[in-house]
Amino acid sequence: MDDEIVSDTESLSMNQDIFNLLKSQLEEKDLQLKDKDLQIHELHKLVENSQILLKEKPQDIKLLEQHTQDLDDKIMNIKGRNIPQQKRSWHSLELILSSIYLIVCLLLCLAILKG
């Protein structure tokens, strides 16, 4: 009888440890998701700024080059923040960000050619 109580107590303690570990991991993932949401929002602002620059047909190529460099730096910064364990879960986000980058670069090239 005492052995069963000890076994139940150990099992309960182990379950509590597992629960706490999983809870901690979920909280960490929530923070990571909030960070990614903020990064996506920042990139969205950069894309909007790129569209505004294209509409205004900038005469200063250096301004356009600087904006492209800022966008590239921002994307590289976001890619650099990902740790190896997250690579699989964020792979689709990286593809989206890369696609946005390519679209912006193409739009900028078109603006230069038209200008």
C-alpha atoms as a PDB file:
ATOM      1  CA  MET A   1       0.000   0.000   0.000  1.00  0.00           C
ATOM      2  CA  ASP A   2       2.777   2.426   0.917  1.00  0.00           C
ATOM      3  CA  ASP A   3       4.604   1.533  -2.308  1.00  0.00           C
ATOM      4  CA  GLU A   4       1.523   2.446  -4.322  1.00  0.00           C
ATOM      5  CA  ILE A   5       1.252   5.821  -2.580  1.00  0.00           C
ATOM      6  CA  VAL A   6       4.936   6.536  -3.219  1.00  0.00           C
ATOM      7  CA  SER A   7       4.547   5.483  -6.857  1.00  0.00           C
ATOM      8  CA  ASP A   8       1.450   7.678  -7.284  1.00  0.00           C
ATOM      9  CA  THR A   9       3.225  10.628  -5.674  1.00  0.00           C
ATOM     10  CA  GLU A  10       6.236  10.209  -7.967  1.00  0.00           C
ATOM     11  CA  SER A  11       3.977   9.897 -10.995  1.00  0.00           C
ATOM     12  CA  LEU A  12       2.062  13.021  -9.981  1.00  0.00           C
ATOM     13  CA  SER A  13       5.313  14.924  -9.485  1.00  0.00           C
ATOM     14  CA  MET A  14       6.616  13.803 -12.868  1.00  0.00           C
ATOM     15  CA  ASN A  15       3.341  14.807 -14.561  1.00  0.00           C
ATOM     16  CA  GLN A  16       3.537  18.225 -12.909  1.00  0.00           C
ATOM     17  CA  ASP A  17       7.111  18.666 -14.173  1.00  0.00           C
ATOM     18  CA  ILE A  18       6.062  17.733 -17.708  1.00  0.00           C
ATOM     19  CA  PHE A  19       3.105  20.103 -17.503  1.00  0.00           C
ATOM     20  CA  ASN A  20       5.337  22.957 -16.341  1.00  0.00           C
ATOM     21  CA  LEU A  21       7.837  22.258 -19.119  1.00  0.00           C
ATOM     22  CA  LEU A  22       5.131  22.257 -21.785  1.00  0.00           C
ATOM     23  CA  LYS A  23       3.590  25.423 -20.368  1.00  0.00           C
ATOM     24  CA  SER A  24       6.982  27.118 -20.446  1.00  0.00           C
ATOM     25  CA  GLN A  25       7.528  26.068 -24.060  1.00  0.00           C
ATOM     26  CA  LEU A  26       4.111  27.411 -25.066  1.00  0.00           C
ATOM     27  CA  GLU A  27       4.846  30.752 -23.427  1.00  0.00           C
ATOM     28  CA  GLU A  28       8.151  30.921 -25.302  1.00  0.00           C
ATOM     29  CA  LYS A  29       6.415  30.141 -28.607  1.00  0.00           C
ATOM     30  CA  ASP A  30       3.854  32.868 -27.894  1.00  0.00           C
ATOM     31  CA  LEU A  31       6.685  35.364 -27.468  1.00  0.00           C
ATOM     32  CA  GLN A  32       8.313  34.167 -30.682  1.00  0.00           C
ATOM     33  CA  LEU A  33       5.036  34.538 -32.570  1.00  0.00           C
ATOM     34  CA  LYS A  34       4.602  38.084 -31.264  1.00  0.00           C
ATOM     35  CA  ASP A  35       8.125  38.877 -32.418  1.00  0.00           C
ATOM     36  CA  LYS A  36       7.413  37.453 -35.882  1.00  0.00           C
ATOM     37  CA  ASP A  37       4.172  39.460 -36.082  1.00  0.00           C
ATOM     38  CA  LEU A  38       6.138  42.616 -35.332  1.00  0.00           C
ATOM     39  CA  GLN A  39       8.732  41.724 -37.968  1.00  0.00           C
ATOM     40  CA  ILE A  40       6.027  41.102 -40.557  1.00  0.00           C
ATOM     41  CA  HIS A  41       4.453  44.447 -39.693  1.00  0.00           C
ATOM     42  CA  GLU A  42       7.819  46.189 -40.147  1.00  0.00           C
ATOM     43  CA  LEU A  43       8.311  44.535 -43.525  1.00  0.00           C
ATOM     44  CA  HIS A  44       4.806  45.522 -44.559  1.00  0.00           C
ATOM     45  CA  LYS A  45       5.673  49.148 -43.760  1.00  0.00           C
ATOM     46  CA  LEU A  46       8.821  48.868 -45.853  1.00  0.00           C
ATOM     47  CA  VAL A  47       6.835  47.500 -48.792  1.00  0.00           C
ATOM     48  CA  GLU A  48       4.325  50.354 -48.456  1.00  0.00           C
ATOM     49  CA  ASN A  49       7.196  52.838 -48.409  1.00  0.00           C
ATOM     50  CA  SER A  50       8.608  51.211 -51.528  1.00  0.00           C
ATOM     51  CA  GLN A  51       5.279  51.595 -53.283  1.00  0.00           C
ATOM     52  CA  ILE A  52       5.119  55.269 -52.286  1.00  0.00           C
ATOM     53  CA  LEU A  53       8.619  55.802 -53.644  1.00  0.00           C
ATOM     54  CA  LEU A  54       7.633  54.143 -56.898  1.00  0.00           C
ATOM     55  CA  LYS A  55       4.506  56.294 -57.242  1.00  0.00           C
ATOM     56  CA  GLU A  56       6.499  59.464 -56.697  1.00  0.00           C
ATOM     57  CA  LYS A  57       9.035  58.406 -59.381  1.00  0.00           C
ATOM     58  CA  PRO A  58      12.140  59.401 -57.427  1.00  0.00           C
ATOM     59  CA  GLN A  59      14.750  61.296 -59.379  1.00  0.00           C
ATOM     60  CA  ASP A  60      17.514  60.511 -56.937  1.00  0.00           C
ATOM     61  CA  ILE A  61      18.820  57.009 -57.643  1.00  0.00           C
ATOM     62  CA  LYS A  62      20.881  57.077 -54.447  1.00  0.00           C
ATOM     63  CA  LEU A  63      17.712  57.413 -52.378  1.00  0.00           C
ATOM     64  CA  LEU A  64      16.284  54.405 -54.173  1.00  0.00           C
ATOM     65  CA  GLU A  65      19.479  52.433 -53.648  1.00  0.00           C
ATOM     66  CA  GLN A  66      19.500  53.324 -49.942  1.00  0.00           C
ATOM     67  CA  HIS A  67      15.899  52.219 -49.549  1.00  0.00           C
ATOM     68  CA  THR A  68      16.683  48.900 -51.246  1.00  0.00           C
ATOM     69  CA  GLN A  69      19.692  48.426 -48.988  1.00  0.00           C
ATOM     70  CA  ASP A  70      17.575  49.172 -45.893  1.00  0.00           C
ATOM     71  CA  LEU A  71      15.053  46.582 -47.004  1.00  0.00           C
ATOM     72  CA  ASP A  72      17.793  44.040 -47.635  1.00  0.00           C
ATOM     73  CA  ASP A  73      19.355  44.734 -44.221  1.00  0.00           C
ATOM     74  CA  LYS A  74      15.986  44.321 -42.514  1.00  0.00           C
ATOM     75  CA  ILE A  75      15.331  40.981 -44.194  1.00  0.00           C
ATOM     76  CA  MET A  76      18.824  39.712 -43.404  1.00  0.00           C
ATOM     77  CA  ASN A  77      18.350  40.817 -39.793  1.00  0.00           C
ATOM     78  CA  ILE A  78      15.100  38.862 -39.550  1.00  0.00           C
ATOM     79  CA  LYS A  79      16.672  35.775 -41.106  1.00  0.00           C
ATOM     80  CA  GLY A  80      19.592  36.066 -38.692  1.00  0.00           C
ATOM     81  CA  ARG A  81      17.304  36.017 -35.666  1.00  0.00           C
ATOM     82  CA  ASN A  82      16.002  32.536 -36.433  1.00  0.00           C
ATOM     83  CA  ILE A  83      17.671  29.818 -34.395  1.00  0.00           C
ATOM     84  CA  PRO A  84      18.247  26.366 -35.959  1.00  0.00           C
ATOM     85  CA  GLN A  85      15.305  24.734 -34.128  1.00  0.00           C
ATOM     86  CA  GLN A  86      12.931  27.283 -35.638  1.00  0.00           C
ATOM     87  CA  LYS A  87      14.082  26.861 -39.231  1.00  0.00           C
ATOM     88  CA  ARG A  88      11.525  24.188 -40.035  1.00  0.00           C
ATOM     89  CA  SER A  89       8.639  26.063 -38.446  1.00  0.00           C
ATOM     90  CA  TRP A  90       9.573  29.405 -40.043  1.00  0.00           C
ATOM     91  CA  HIS A  91      10.538  28.092 -43.470  1.00  0.00           C
ATOM     92  CA  SER A  92       7.295  29.266 -45.064  1.00  0.00           C
ATOM     93  CA  LEU A  93       7.714  32.730 -43.507  1.00  0.00           C
ATOM     94  CA  GLU A  94      11.201  32.954 -44.981  1.00  0.00           C
ATOM     95  CA  LEU A  95       9.801  32.065 -48.393  1.00  0.00           C
ATOM     96  CA  ILE A  96       7.182  34.808 -48.087  1.00  0.00           C
ATOM     97  CA  LEU A  97       9.765  37.365 -46.996  1.00  0.00           C
ATOM     98  CA  SER A  98      12.067  36.371 -49.839  1.00  0.00           C
ATOM     99  CA  SER A  99       9.191  36.709 -52.302  1.00  0.00           C
ATOM    100  CA  ILE A 100       8.328  40.168 -50.978  1.00  0.00           C
ATOM    101  CA  TYR A 101      11.958  41.168 -51.298  1.00  0.00           C
ATOM    102  CA  LEU A 102      12.123  39.980 -54.906  1.00  0.00           C
ATOM    103  CA  ILE A 103       8.897  41.791 -55.803  1.00  0.00           C
ATOM    104  CA  VAL A 104      10.144  45.031 -54.290  1.00  0.00           C
ATOM    105  CA  CYS A 105      13.468  44.716 -56.094  1.00  0.00           C
ATOM    106  CA  LEU A 106      11.686  44.127 -59.391  1.00  0.00           C
ATOM    107  CA  LEU A 107       9.436  47.129 -58.826  1.00  0.00           C
ATOM    108  CA  LEU A 108      12.428  49.277 -58.007  1.00  0.00           C
ATOM    109  CA  CYS A 109      14.239  48.113 -61.149  1.00  0.00           C
ATOM    110  CA  LEU A 110      11.167  48.924 -63.233  1.00  0.00           C
ATOM    111  CA  ALA A 111      11.028  52.392 -61.702  1.00  0.00           C
ATOM    112  CA  ILE A 112      14.677  52.988 -62.519  1.00  0.00           C
ATOM    113  CA  LEU A 113      14.178  51.853 -66.100  1.00  0.00           C
ATOM    114  CA  LYS A 114      11.119  54.087 -66.554  1.00  0.00           C
ATOM    115  CA  GLY A 115      12.725  57.059 -64.831  1.00  0.00           C
END
